[in-house]
Amino acid sequence: GFELGFAMASPNALVCWEAQFGDFHNTAQCIIDQFISSGQAKWVRHNGIVLLLPHGMEGMGPEHSSARPERFLQMSNDDSDAYPFSEQFEVCQLYECNWIVVNCSTPANYFHVLRRQILLPFRKPLIILTPKSLLRHPEAKSSFDEMVSGTTFQRVIPENGLAAHAPHDVKRVIFCTGKVYYDLVKERKNQDLEKQVAITRLEQISPFPFDLLKEELEKYPSADLVWCQEEHKNSGYYDYVKPRFRTIVNHTRPIWYVGREPAAAAATGNKNTHLVSLRRFLDTAFNLEAFEGKT
């Protein structure tokens, strides 16, 4: 509550509230529901508070794994059926949304989203899902060249490896967000599928980057489309992204789900079960025949 009031009274300050684990934000649920998600709609008052919520399936158990991103996405006022056309599409989306939900996979993008938050000519709450394991992950790094003048926040980070050089030969495009990207890249290399499988990252989940994803989908016209997440199917992002992908392709191509099965708990408390389920969905993600014959 203190940070919320401070952010409202001091719009030029970058005010951050960080949970020890994202799971713990449920103790602030009434403030999130009543004030942060809907405050502007109710009282026409802008607020630029930043919620830093550690989130990621890292084998830490059901109380130390999930910031419940599906709840924030469900409360987003982003319309899944409306594909807007505008030269100022990105800034219009940000102005009209009730809050912004991101999951940054690189230090540069984390820097840029905080910078954008304070440089915008208006204020919106910013929800940042922050995987703890990326703090020391050797591949989660950025060059200072990605943070100099002229660089900006990337709502989508497209495939930039071998698959991007011959898009018509790509058999599958995997869309994902967050730290699961690094698991996917490692597995793709192990299976020598770097030419057949492209991996695209959504850094900003809401408002949904319709325009950039439309470009990605058109780049790979004959590829399977897969949404991969490490969360269980009834949580995470799938229910949010699926209808929006279908809107982009006008319901002409399916978007397949790859991830953990539905579960009542946010994560398992057993390390072996965690690793087995990770292995299972990685195998499915790179099985190019997994969805043959399905509609």
C-alpha atoms as a PDB file:
ATOM      1  CA  GLY A   1       0.000   0.000   0.000  1.00  0.00           C
ATOM      2  CA  PHE A   2       2.833   2.406   0.821  1.00  0.00           C
ATOM      3  CA  GLU A   3       4.521   1.924  -2.553  1.00  0.00           C
ATOM      4  CA  LEU A   4       1.195   2.327  -4.350  1.00  0.00           C
ATOM      5  CA  GLY A   5       0.542   5.659  -2.657  1.00  0.00           C
ATOM      6  CA  PHE A   6       4.110   6.828  -3.205  1.00  0.00           C
ATOM      7  CA  ALA A   7       3.891   6.009  -6.922  1.00  0.00           C
ATOM      8  CA  MET A   8       0.595   7.876  -7.234  1.00  0.00           C
ATOM      9  CA  ALA A   9       1.895  10.964  -5.446  1.00  0.00           C
ATOM     10  CA  SER A  10       5.276  10.910  -7.225  1.00  0.00           C
ATOM     11  CA  PRO A  11       4.681  10.037 -10.902  1.00  0.00           C
ATOM     12  CA  ASN A  12       8.260  10.930 -11.853  1.00  0.00           C
ATOM     13  CA  ALA A  13       9.722   8.356  -9.454  1.00  0.00           C
ATOM     14  CA  LEU A  14      10.382   4.745 -10.460  1.00  0.00           C
ATOM     15  CA  VAL A  15       8.672   2.988  -7.555  1.00  0.00           C
ATOM     16  CA  CYS A  16       9.239  -0.789  -7.293  1.00  0.00           C
ATOM     17  CA  TRP A  17       7.721  -3.366  -4.953  1.00  0.00           C
ATOM     18  CA  GLU A  18       9.485  -6.722  -5.011  1.00  0.00           C
ATOM     19  CA  ALA A  19       8.210  -9.974  -3.539  1.00  0.00           C
ATOM     20  CA  GLN A  20      10.727 -12.456  -2.166  1.00  0.00           C
ATOM     21  CA  PHE A  21       8.941 -14.974  -4.379  1.00  0.00           C
ATOM     22  CA  GLY A  22       6.138 -14.134  -6.791  1.00  0.00           C
ATOM     23  CA  ASP A  23       3.876 -16.606  -4.986  1.00  0.00           C
ATOM     24  CA  PHE A  24       3.774 -14.243  -2.000  1.00  0.00           C
ATOM     25  CA  HIS A  25       1.925 -11.483  -3.827  1.00  0.00           C
ATOM     26  CA  ASN A  26      -1.346 -13.224  -2.915  1.00  0.00           C
ATOM     27  CA  THR A  27      -1.118 -11.477   0.468  1.00  0.00           C
ATOM     28  CA  ALA A  28      -1.531  -8.214  -1.475  1.00  0.00           C
ATOM     29  CA  GLN A  29      -4.338  -9.536  -3.676  1.00  0.00           C
ATOM     30  CA  CYS A  30      -6.924  -7.022  -2.487  1.00  0.00           C
ATOM     31  CA  ILE A  31      -4.616  -4.101  -3.335  1.00  0.00           C
ATOM     32  CA  ILE A  32      -3.786  -5.603  -6.739  1.00  0.00           C
ATOM     33  CA  ASP A  33      -7.434  -6.290  -7.589  1.00  0.00           C
ATOM     34  CA  GLN A  34      -9.040  -3.147  -6.185  1.00  0.00           C
ATOM     35  CA  PHE A  35      -6.413  -0.494  -6.837  1.00  0.00           C
ATOM     36  CA  ILE A  36      -3.626  -1.509  -9.222  1.00  0.00           C
ATOM     37  CA  SER A  37      -5.534  -3.363 -11.952  1.00  0.00           C
ATOM     38  CA  SER A  38      -8.574  -1.096 -12.054  1.00  0.00           C
ATOM     39  CA  GLY A  39      -7.572   2.172 -10.391  1.00  0.00           C
ATOM     40  CA  GLN A  40      -7.464   4.211 -13.574  1.00  0.00           C
ATOM     41  CA  ALA A  41     -10.837   2.896 -14.778  1.00  0.00           C
ATOM     42  CA  LYS A  42     -12.435   3.690 -11.414  1.00  0.00           C
ATOM     43  CA  TRP A  43     -10.865   6.998 -10.471  1.00  0.00           C
ATOM     44  CA  VAL A  44      -9.081   8.282 -13.610  1.00  0.00           C
ATOM     45  CA  ARG A  45      -5.759   8.292 -11.754  1.00  0.00           C
ATOM     46  CA  HIS A  46      -2.589   7.003 -13.375  1.00  0.00           C
ATOM     47  CA  ASN A  47      -0.110   4.930 -11.386  1.00  0.00           C
ATOM     48  CA  GLY A  48       3.293   3.706 -12.525  1.00  0.00           C
ATOM     49  CA  ILE A  49       4.104   1.226  -9.763  1.00  0.00           C
ATOM     50  CA  VAL A  50       6.369  -1.678 -10.764  1.00  0.00           C
ATOM     51  CA  LEU A  51       5.744  -5.130  -9.277  1.00  0.00           C
ATOM     52  CA  LEU A  52       8.825  -7.368  -9.404  1.00  0.00           C
ATOM     53  CA  LEU A  53       7.601 -10.933  -9.001  1.00  0.00           C
ATOM     54  CA  PRO A  54      10.181 -13.769  -9.050  1.00  0.00           C
ATOM     55  CA  HIS A  55       8.650 -16.530 -11.164  1.00  0.00           C
ATOM     56  CA  GLY A  56       9.882 -19.758 -12.709  1.00  0.00           C
ATOM     57  CA  MET A  57       9.565 -23.526 -12.457  1.00  0.00           C
ATOM     58  CA  GLU A  58      12.940 -24.179 -10.844  1.00  0.00           C
ATOM     59  CA  GLY A  59      12.141 -27.169  -8.625  1.00  0.00           C
ATOM     60  CA  MET A  60      11.592 -25.002  -5.543  1.00  0.00           C
ATOM     61  CA  GLY A  61       8.156 -26.392  -4.709  1.00  0.00           C
ATOM     62  CA  PRO A  62       4.568 -25.125  -4.951  1.00  0.00           C
ATOM     63  CA  GLU A  63       5.033 -22.034  -2.750  1.00  0.00           C
ATOM     64  CA  HIS A  64       8.237 -20.763  -4.381  1.00  0.00           C
ATOM     65  CA  SER A  65       7.667 -21.129  -8.127  1.00  0.00           C
ATOM     66  CA  SER A  66       4.726 -19.191  -9.534  1.00  0.00           C
ATOM     67  CA  ALA A  67       3.680 -15.548  -9.539  1.00  0.00           C
ATOM     68  CA  ARG A  68       0.418 -16.750 -11.103  1.00  0.00           C
ATOM     69  CA  PRO A  69       0.821 -14.829 -14.393  1.00  0.00           C
ATOM     70  CA  GLU A  70      -2.520 -16.186 -15.575  1.00  0.00           C
ATOM     71  CA  ARG A  71      -4.293 -14.038 -12.982  1.00  0.00           C
ATOM     72  CA  PHE A  72      -2.659 -10.834 -14.175  1.00  0.00           C
ATOM     73  CA  LEU A  73      -3.401 -11.738 -17.788  1.00  0.00           C
ATOM     74  CA  GLN A  74      -7.030 -12.532 -17.015  1.00  0.00           C
ATOM     75  CA  MET A  75      -7.430  -9.052 -15.536  1.00  0.00           C
ATOM     76  CA  SER A  76      -5.835  -7.370 -18.566  1.00  0.00           C
ATOM     77  CA  ASN A  77      -8.280  -5.406 -20.718  1.00  0.00           C
ATOM     78  CA  ASP A  78      -6.503  -6.436 -23.938  1.00  0.00           C
ATOM     79  CA  ASP A  79      -9.134  -7.689 -26.433  1.00  0.00           C
ATOM     80  CA  SER A  80      -8.285 -11.111 -27.873  1.00  0.00           C
ATOM     81  CA  ASP A  81     -10.609 -10.720 -30.870  1.00  0.00           C
ATOM     82  CA  ALA A  82      -9.640  -7.250 -32.033  1.00  0.00           C
ATOM     83  CA  TYR A  83      -6.592  -6.874 -34.243  1.00  0.00           C
ATOM     84  CA  PRO A  84      -5.969  -3.108 -34.236  1.00  0.00           C
ATOM     85  CA  PHE A  85      -4.387  -1.284 -37.167  1.00  0.00           C
ATOM     86  CA  SER A  86      -2.563   1.943 -36.418  1.00  0.00           C
ATOM     87  CA  GLU A  87       0.722   3.632 -37.251  1.00  0.00           C
ATOM     88  CA  GLN A  88       1.104   4.311 -33.535  1.00  0.00           C
ATOM     89  CA  PHE A  89       0.080   0.784 -32.601  1.00  0.00           C
ATOM     90  CA  GLU A  90       2.601   0.184 -29.817  1.00  0.00           C
ATOM     91  CA  VAL A  91       2.084   3.410 -27.897  1.00  0.00           C
ATOM     92  CA  CYS A  92      -1.709   3.277 -28.395  1.00  0.00           C
ATOM     93  CA  GLN A  93      -1.764  -0.196 -26.861  1.00  0.00           C
ATOM     94  CA  LEU A  94       0.217   1.005 -23.870  1.00  0.00           C
ATOM     95  CA  TYR A  95      -2.014   4.039 -23.401  1.00  0.00           C
ATOM     96  CA  GLU A  96      -5.248   2.048 -23.540  1.00  0.00           C
ATOM     97  CA  CYS A  97      -4.205  -0.929 -21.391  1.00  0.00           C
ATOM     98  CA  ASN A  98      -4.820  -1.164 -17.647  1.00  0.00           C
ATOM     99  CA  TRP A  99      -1.350  -2.594 -16.972  1.00  0.00           C
ATOM    100  CA  ILE A 100       1.687  -4.102 -18.675  1.00  0.00           C
ATOM    101  CA  VAL A 101       2.890  -7.681 -18.125  1.00  0.00           C
ATOM    102  CA  VAL A 102       6.417  -8.664 -19.196  1.00  0.00           C
ATOM    103  CA  ASN A 103       8.838 -11.545 -18.705  1.00  0.00           C
ATOM    104  CA  CYS A 104      12.303 -10.399 -19.773  1.00  0.00           C
ATOM    105  CA  SER A 105      14.865 -12.997 -20.795  1.00  0.00           C
ATOM    106  CA  THR A 106      17.851 -10.670 -21.240  1.00  0.00           C
ATOM    107  CA  PRO A 107      19.499  -8.030 -19.004  1.00  0.00           C
ATOM    108  CA  ALA A 108      19.230  -5.454 -21.806  1.00  0.00           C
ATOM    109  CA  ASN A 109      15.486  -5.890 -22.124  1.00  0.00           C
ATOM    110  CA  TYR A 110      15.082  -5.700 -18.338  1.00  0.00           C
ATOM    111  CA  PHE A 111      16.970  -2.406 -18.400  1.00  0.00           C
ATOM    112  CA  HIS A 112      14.931  -1.077 -21.316  1.00  0.00           C
ATOM    113  CA  VAL A 113      11.524  -1.933 -19.863  1.00  0.00           C
ATOM    114  CA  LEU A 114      12.364  -0.025 -16.668  1.00  0.00           C
ATOM    115  CA  ARG A 115      13.682   2.871 -18.737  1.00  0.00           C
ATOM    116  CA  ARG A 116      10.555   2.886 -20.899  1.00  0.00           C
ATOM    117  CA  GLN A 117       8.399   2.855 -17.781  1.00  0.00           C
ATOM    118  CA  ILE A 118       9.718   6.219 -16.635  1.00  0.00           C
ATOM    119  CA  LEU A 119      10.054   7.777 -20.113  1.00  0.00           C
ATOM    120  CA  LEU A 120       6.444   7.155 -21.171  1.00  0.00           C
ATOM    121  CA  PRO A 121       4.354  10.360 -21.145  1.00  0.00           C
ATOM    122  CA  PHE A 122       1.753   8.548 -19.021  1.00  0.00           C
ATOM    123  CA  ARG A 123       1.815   6.011 -16.197  1.00  0.00           C
ATOM    124  CA  LYS A 124       0.709   2.379 -16.187  1.00  0.00           C
ATOM    125  CA  PRO A 125       1.387  -0.356 -13.612  1.00  0.00           C
ATOM    126  CA  LEU A 126       4.151  -2.710 -14.775  1.00  0.00           C
ATOM    127  CA  ILE A 127       4.222  -6.383 -13.779  1.00  0.00           C
ATOM    128  CA  ILE A 128       7.657  -7.967 -14.288  1.00  0.00           C
ATOM    129  CA  LEU A 129       8.034 -11.725 -13.900  1.00  0.00           C
ATOM    130  CA  THR A 130      11.647 -12.265 -12.858  1.00  0.00           C
ATOM    131  CA  PRO A 131      13.103 -15.808 -12.960  1.00  0.00           C
ATOM    132  CA  LYS A 132      15.708 -16.181 -10.215  1.00  0.00           C
ATOM    133  CA  SER A 133      17.824 -18.701 -12.135  1.00  0.00           C
ATOM    134  CA  LEU A 134      18.608 -16.151 -14.856  1.00  0.00           C
ATOM    135  CA  LEU A 135      20.593 -14.076 -12.355  1.00  0.00           C
ATOM    136  CA  ARG A 136      23.555 -16.431 -12.811  1.00  0.00           C
ATOM    137  CA  HIS A 137      22.686 -18.198 -16.051  1.00  0.00           C
ATOM    138  CA  PRO A 138      25.762 -18.061 -18.330  1.00  0.00           C
ATOM    139  CA  GLU A 139      23.635 -17.541 -21.457  1.00  0.00           C
ATOM    140  CA  ALA A 140      21.405 -14.810 -19.979  1.00  0.00           C
ATOM    141  CA  LYS A 141      23.710 -11.940 -20.808  1.00  0.00           C
ATOM    142  CA  SER A 142      23.693  -8.799 -22.926  1.00  0.00           C
ATOM    143  CA  SER A 143      26.312  -6.624 -24.535  1.00  0.00           C
ATOM    144  CA  PHE A 144      26.492  -2.968 -23.529  1.00  0.00           C
ATOM    145  CA  ASP A 145      25.885  -2.282 -27.218  1.00  0.00           C
ATOM    146  CA  GLU A 146      22.295  -3.404 -26.590  1.00  0.00           C
ATOM    147  CA  MET A 147      21.816  -0.647 -24.006  1.00  0.00           C
ATOM    148  CA  VAL A 148      23.335   2.380 -25.714  1.00  0.00           C
ATOM    149  CA  SER A 149      21.576   5.283 -27.401  1.00  0.00           C
ATOM    150  CA  GLY A 150      19.265   4.128 -30.176  1.00  0.00           C
ATOM    151  CA  THR A 151      18.340   0.805 -28.569  1.00  0.00           C
ATOM    152  CA  THR A 152      14.888   0.126 -27.139  1.00  0.00           C
ATOM    153  CA  PHE A 153      12.779  -2.478 -25.387  1.00  0.00           C
ATOM    154  CA  GLN A 154      12.022  -5.468 -27.620  1.00  0.00           C
ATOM    155  CA  ARG A 155       8.446  -6.668 -27.197  1.00  0.00           C
ATOM    156  CA  VAL A 156       9.336  -9.759 -29.217  1.00  0.00           C
ATOM    157  CA  ILE A 157      12.798 -11.258 -29.767  1.00  0.00           C
ATOM    158  CA  PRO A 158      12.669 -13.249 -33.022  1.00  0.00           C
ATOM    159  CA  GLU A 159      14.796 -16.211 -33.999  1.00  0.00           C
ATOM    160  CA  ASN A 160      18.199 -14.963 -35.152  1.00  0.00           C
ATOM    161  CA  GLY A 161      20.056 -18.248 -35.694  1.00  0.00           C
ATOM    162  CA  LEU A 162      20.288 -20.739 -38.543  1.00  0.00           C
ATOM    163  CA  ALA A 163      16.514 -21.175 -38.836  1.00  0.00           C
ATOM    164  CA  ALA A 164      16.038 -17.483 -39.596  1.00  0.00           C
ATOM    165  CA  HIS A 165      18.276 -17.701 -42.672  1.00  0.00           C
ATOM    166  CA  ALA A 166      16.101 -20.310 -44.414  1.00  0.00           C
ATOM    167  CA  PRO A 167      12.573 -19.756 -43.052  1.00  0.00           C
ATOM    168  CA  HIS A 168      10.847 -21.866 -45.724  1.00  0.00           C
ATOM    169  CA  ASP A 169      12.775 -24.921 -44.494  1.00  0.00           C
ATOM    170  CA  VAL A 170      11.628 -24.480 -40.898  1.00  0.00           C
ATOM    171  CA  LYS A 171       9.296 -27.260 -39.734  1.00  0.00           C
ATOM    172  CA  ARG A 172       8.248 -25.757 -36.400  1.00  0.00           C
ATOM    173  CA  VAL A 173       8.160 -22.367 -34.717  1.00  0.00           C
ATOM    174  CA  ILE A 174       8.150 -22.451 -30.925  1.00  0.00           C
ATOM    175  CA  PHE A 175       6.844 -19.360 -29.170  1.00  0.00           C
ATOM    176  CA  CYS A 176       7.700 -18.968 -25.502  1.00  0.00           C
ATOM    177  CA  THR A 177       8.398 -16.449 -22.750  1.00  0.00           C
ATOM    178  CA  GLY A 178      10.819 -16.317 -19.860  1.00  0.00           C
ATOM    179  CA  LYS A 179      13.551 -18.695 -18.809  1.00  0.00           C
ATOM    180  CA  VAL A 180      12.144 -21.759 -20.608  1.00  0.00           C
ATOM    181  CA  TYR A 181      13.748 -20.235 -23.697  1.00  0.00           C
ATOM    182  CA  TYR A 182      17.182 -21.309 -22.472  1.00  0.00           C
ATOM    183  CA  ASP A 183      15.992 -24.875 -21.856  1.00  0.00           C
ATOM    184  CA  LEU A 184      14.604 -24.962 -25.394  1.00  0.00           C
ATOM    185  CA  VAL A 185      17.769 -23.596 -26.989  1.00  0.00           C
ATOM    186  CA  LYS A 186      19.910 -26.157 -25.177  1.00  0.00           C
ATOM    187  CA  GLU A 187      17.633 -29.036 -26.182  1.00  0.00           C
ATOM    188  CA  ARG A 188      17.451 -27.865 -29.797  1.00  0.00           C
ATOM    189  CA  LYS A 189      21.243 -27.867 -29.994  1.00  0.00           C
ATOM    190  CA  ASN A 190      21.444 -31.324 -28.405  1.00  0.00           C
ATOM    191  CA  GLN A 191      19.045 -32.694 -31.018  1.00  0.00           C
ATOM    192  CA  ASP A 192      20.735 -30.854 -33.905  1.00  0.00           C
ATOM    193  CA  LEU A 193      17.498 -29.159 -34.966  1.00  0.00           C
ATOM    194  CA  GLU A 194      18.777 -25.608 -35.275  1.00  0.00           C
ATOM    195  CA  LYS A 195      17.770 -25.416 -38.953  1.00  0.00           C
ATOM    196  CA  GLN A 196      14.353 -27.048 -38.578  1.00  0.00           C
ATOM    197  CA  VAL A 197      13.059 -25.327 -35.426  1.00  0.00           C
ATOM    198  CA  ALA A 198      12.818 -21.578 -34.806  1.00  0.00           C
ATOM    199  CA  ILE A 199      12.300 -20.174 -31.306  1.00  0.00           C
ATOM    200  CA  THR A 200      10.670 -16.769 -30.788  1.00  0.00           C
ATOM    201  CA  ARG A 201      10.407 -15.045 -27.419  1.00  0.00           C
ATOM    202  CA  LEU A 202       7.513 -12.913 -26.209  1.00  0.00           C
ATOM    203  CA  GLU A 203       9.044 -10.399 -23.828  1.00  0.00           C
ATOM    204  CA  GLN A 204       5.866  -8.338 -23.477  1.00  0.00           C
ATOM    205  CA  ILE A 205       2.869 -10.590 -23.022  1.00  0.00           C
ATOM    206  CA  SER A 206       0.236  -7.944 -22.383  1.00  0.00           C
ATOM    207  CA  PRO A 207      -0.630  -5.817 -24.237  1.00  0.00           C
ATOM    208  CA  PHE A 208      -0.187  -8.559 -26.810  1.00  0.00           C
ATOM    209  CA  PRO A 209       2.287  -7.704 -29.621  1.00  0.00           C
ATOM    210  CA  PHE A 210      -0.076  -8.552 -32.488  1.00  0.00           C
ATOM    211  CA  ASP A 211       1.934  -6.610 -35.067  1.00  0.00           C
ATOM    212  CA  LEU A 212       5.318  -8.214 -34.422  1.00  0.00           C
ATOM    213  CA  LEU A 213       3.937 -11.728 -34.115  1.00  0.00           C
ATOM    214  CA  LYS A 214       2.065 -11.312 -37.387  1.00  0.00           C
ATOM    215  CA  GLU A 215       5.439 -10.670 -39.041  1.00  0.00           C
ATOM    216  CA  GLU A 216       6.883 -13.791 -37.414  1.00  0.00           C
ATOM    217  CA  LEU A 217       3.970 -15.979 -38.490  1.00  0.00           C
ATOM    218  CA  GLU A 218       4.198 -14.754 -42.077  1.00  0.00           C
ATOM    219  CA  LYS A 219       7.928 -15.487 -42.090  1.00  0.00           C
ATOM    220  CA  TYR A 220       7.315 -19.226 -41.525  1.00  0.00           C
ATOM    221  CA  PRO A 221       4.253 -20.038 -43.684  1.00  0.00           C
ATOM    222  CA  SER A 222       4.593 -23.837 -43.656  1.00  0.00           C
ATOM    223  CA  ALA A 223       5.762 -24.428 -40.080  1.00  0.00           C
ATOM    224  CA  ASP A 224       3.870 -25.903 -37.135  1.00  0.00           C
ATOM    225  CA  LEU A 225       3.047 -23.264 -34.530  1.00  0.00           C
ATOM    226  CA  VAL A 226       3.707 -24.251 -30.919  1.00  0.00           C
ATOM    227  CA  TRP A 227       3.289 -22.394 -27.659  1.00  0.00           C
ATOM    228  CA  CYS A 228       5.708 -23.836 -25.092  1.00  0.00           C
ATOM    229  CA  GLN A 229       5.596 -22.975 -21.402  1.00  0.00           C
ATOM    230  CA  GLU A 230       7.076 -24.565 -18.307  1.00  0.00           C
ATOM    231  CA  GLU A 231       3.946 -23.845 -16.278  1.00  0.00           C
ATOM    232  CA  HIS A 232       1.003 -26.235 -16.016  1.00  0.00           C
ATOM    233  CA  LYS A 233      -1.598 -25.994 -18.766  1.00  0.00           C
ATOM    234  CA  ASN A 234      -4.270 -24.464 -16.524  1.00  0.00           C
ATOM    235  CA  SER A 235      -1.859 -21.723 -15.451  1.00  0.00           C
ATOM    236  CA  GLY A 236       0.798 -19.675 -17.181  1.00  0.00           C
ATOM    237  CA  TYR A 237       0.076 -17.978 -20.500  1.00  0.00           C
ATOM    238  CA  TYR A 238      -1.565 -20.465 -22.856  1.00  0.00           C
ATOM    239  CA  ASP A 239      -5.195 -19.499 -22.275  1.00  0.00           C
ATOM    240  CA  TYR A 240      -4.244 -15.884 -22.912  1.00  0.00           C
ATOM    241  CA  VAL A 241      -2.071 -16.288 -26.011  1.00  0.00           C
ATOM    242  CA  LYS A 242      -4.075 -18.968 -27.851  1.00  0.00           C
ATOM    243  CA  PRO A 243      -7.081 -16.846 -28.935  1.00  0.00           C
ATOM    244  CA  ARG A 244      -4.767 -13.977 -29.876  1.00  0.00           C
ATOM    245  CA  PHE A 245      -2.638 -16.157 -32.118  1.00  0.00           C
ATOM    246  CA  ARG A 246      -5.833 -17.449 -33.724  1.00  0.00           C
ATOM    247  CA  THR A 247      -6.962 -13.877 -34.337  1.00  0.00           C
ATOM    248  CA  ILE A 248      -3.678 -13.078 -36.089  1.00  0.00           C
ATOM    249  CA  VAL A 249      -3.948 -16.060 -38.468  1.00  0.00           C
ATOM    250  CA  ASN A 250      -7.722 -15.646 -38.827  1.00  0.00           C
ATOM    251  CA  HIS A 251      -8.236 -19.171 -37.437  1.00  0.00           C
ATOM    252  CA  THR A 252      -6.413 -20.749 -40.403  1.00  0.00           C
ATOM    253  CA  ARG A 253      -3.547 -22.377 -38.461  1.00  0.00           C
ATOM    254  CA  PRO A 254      -3.643 -24.136 -35.078  1.00  0.00           C
ATOM    255  CA  ILE A 255      -1.364 -23.159 -32.211  1.00  0.00           C
ATOM    256  CA  TRP A 256      -0.341 -26.316 -30.335  1.00  0.00           C
ATOM    257  CA  TYR A 257       0.316 -26.486 -26.607  1.00  0.00           C
ATOM    258  CA  VAL A 258       3.521 -27.931 -25.167  1.00  0.00           C
ATOM    259  CA  GLY A 259       4.090 -27.799 -21.432  1.00  0.00           C
ATOM    260  CA  ARG A 260       3.166 -29.439 -18.169  1.00  0.00           C
ATOM    261  CA  GLU A 261      -0.199 -31.114 -17.655  1.00  0.00           C
ATOM    262  CA  PRO A 262      -2.966 -29.355 -15.673  1.00  0.00           C
ATOM    263  CA  ALA A 263      -2.473 -29.445 -11.912  1.00  0.00           C
ATOM    264  CA  ALA A 264      -4.102 -28.098  -8.761  1.00  0.00           C
ATOM    265  CA  ALA A 265      -0.786 -26.937  -7.285  1.00  0.00           C
ATOM    266  CA  ALA A 266       1.382 -24.343  -8.991  1.00  0.00           C
ATOM    267  CA  ALA A 267       4.380 -26.710  -8.986  1.00  0.00           C
ATOM    268  CA  THR A 268       5.468 -30.081  -7.660  1.00  0.00           C
ATOM    269  CA  GLY A 269       7.388 -30.360  -4.425  1.00  0.00           C
ATOM    270  CA  ASN A 270       9.373 -33.362  -5.667  1.00  0.00           C
ATOM    271  CA  LYS A 271      12.608 -32.611  -7.527  1.00  0.00           C
ATOM    272  CA  ASN A 272      12.528 -35.858  -9.520  1.00  0.00           C
ATOM    273  CA  THR A 273       8.935 -35.264 -10.631  1.00  0.00           C
ATOM    274  CA  HIS A 274       9.943 -31.750 -11.668  1.00  0.00           C
ATOM    275  CA  LEU A 275      12.779 -33.053 -13.852  1.00  0.00           C
ATOM    276  CA  VAL A 276      10.658 -35.832 -15.377  1.00  0.00           C
ATOM    277  CA  SER A 277       7.937 -33.377 -16.418  1.00  0.00           C
ATOM    278  CA  LEU A 278      10.568 -31.020 -17.842  1.00  0.00           C
ATOM    279  CA  ARG A 279      12.068 -33.854 -19.884  1.00  0.00           C
ATOM    280  CA  ARG A 280       8.627 -34.875 -21.128  1.00  0.00           C
ATOM    281  CA  PHE A 281       7.606 -31.516 -22.529  1.00  0.00           C
ATOM    282  CA  LEU A 282      11.043 -30.839 -24.041  1.00  0.00           C
ATOM    283  CA  ASP A 283      10.771 -34.153 -25.898  1.00  0.00           C
ATOM    284  CA  THR A 284       7.361 -33.140 -27.230  1.00  0.00           C
ATOM    285  CA  ALA A 285       8.566 -29.677 -28.222  1.00  0.00           C
ATOM    286  CA  PHE A 286      11.178 -31.147 -30.574  1.00  0.00           C
ATOM    287  CA  ASN A 287       9.239 -34.158 -31.812  1.00  0.00           C
ATOM    288  CA  LEU A 288       8.395 -32.870 -35.280  1.00  0.00           C
ATOM    289  CA  GLU A 289       5.739 -35.565 -35.726  1.00  0.00           C
ATOM    290  CA  ALA A 290       3.962 -34.932 -32.413  1.00  0.00           C
ATOM    291  CA  PHE A 291       0.960 -33.175 -33.975  1.00  0.00           C
ATOM    292  CA  GLU A 292       0.655 -34.994 -37.296  1.00  0.00           C
ATOM    293  CA  GLY A 293      -2.936 -35.969 -38.056  1.00  0.00           C
ATOM    294  CA  LYS A 294      -4.334 -33.707 -35.346  1.00  0.00           C
ATOM    295  CA  THR A 295      -6.670 -30.815 -35.975  1.00  0.00           C
END
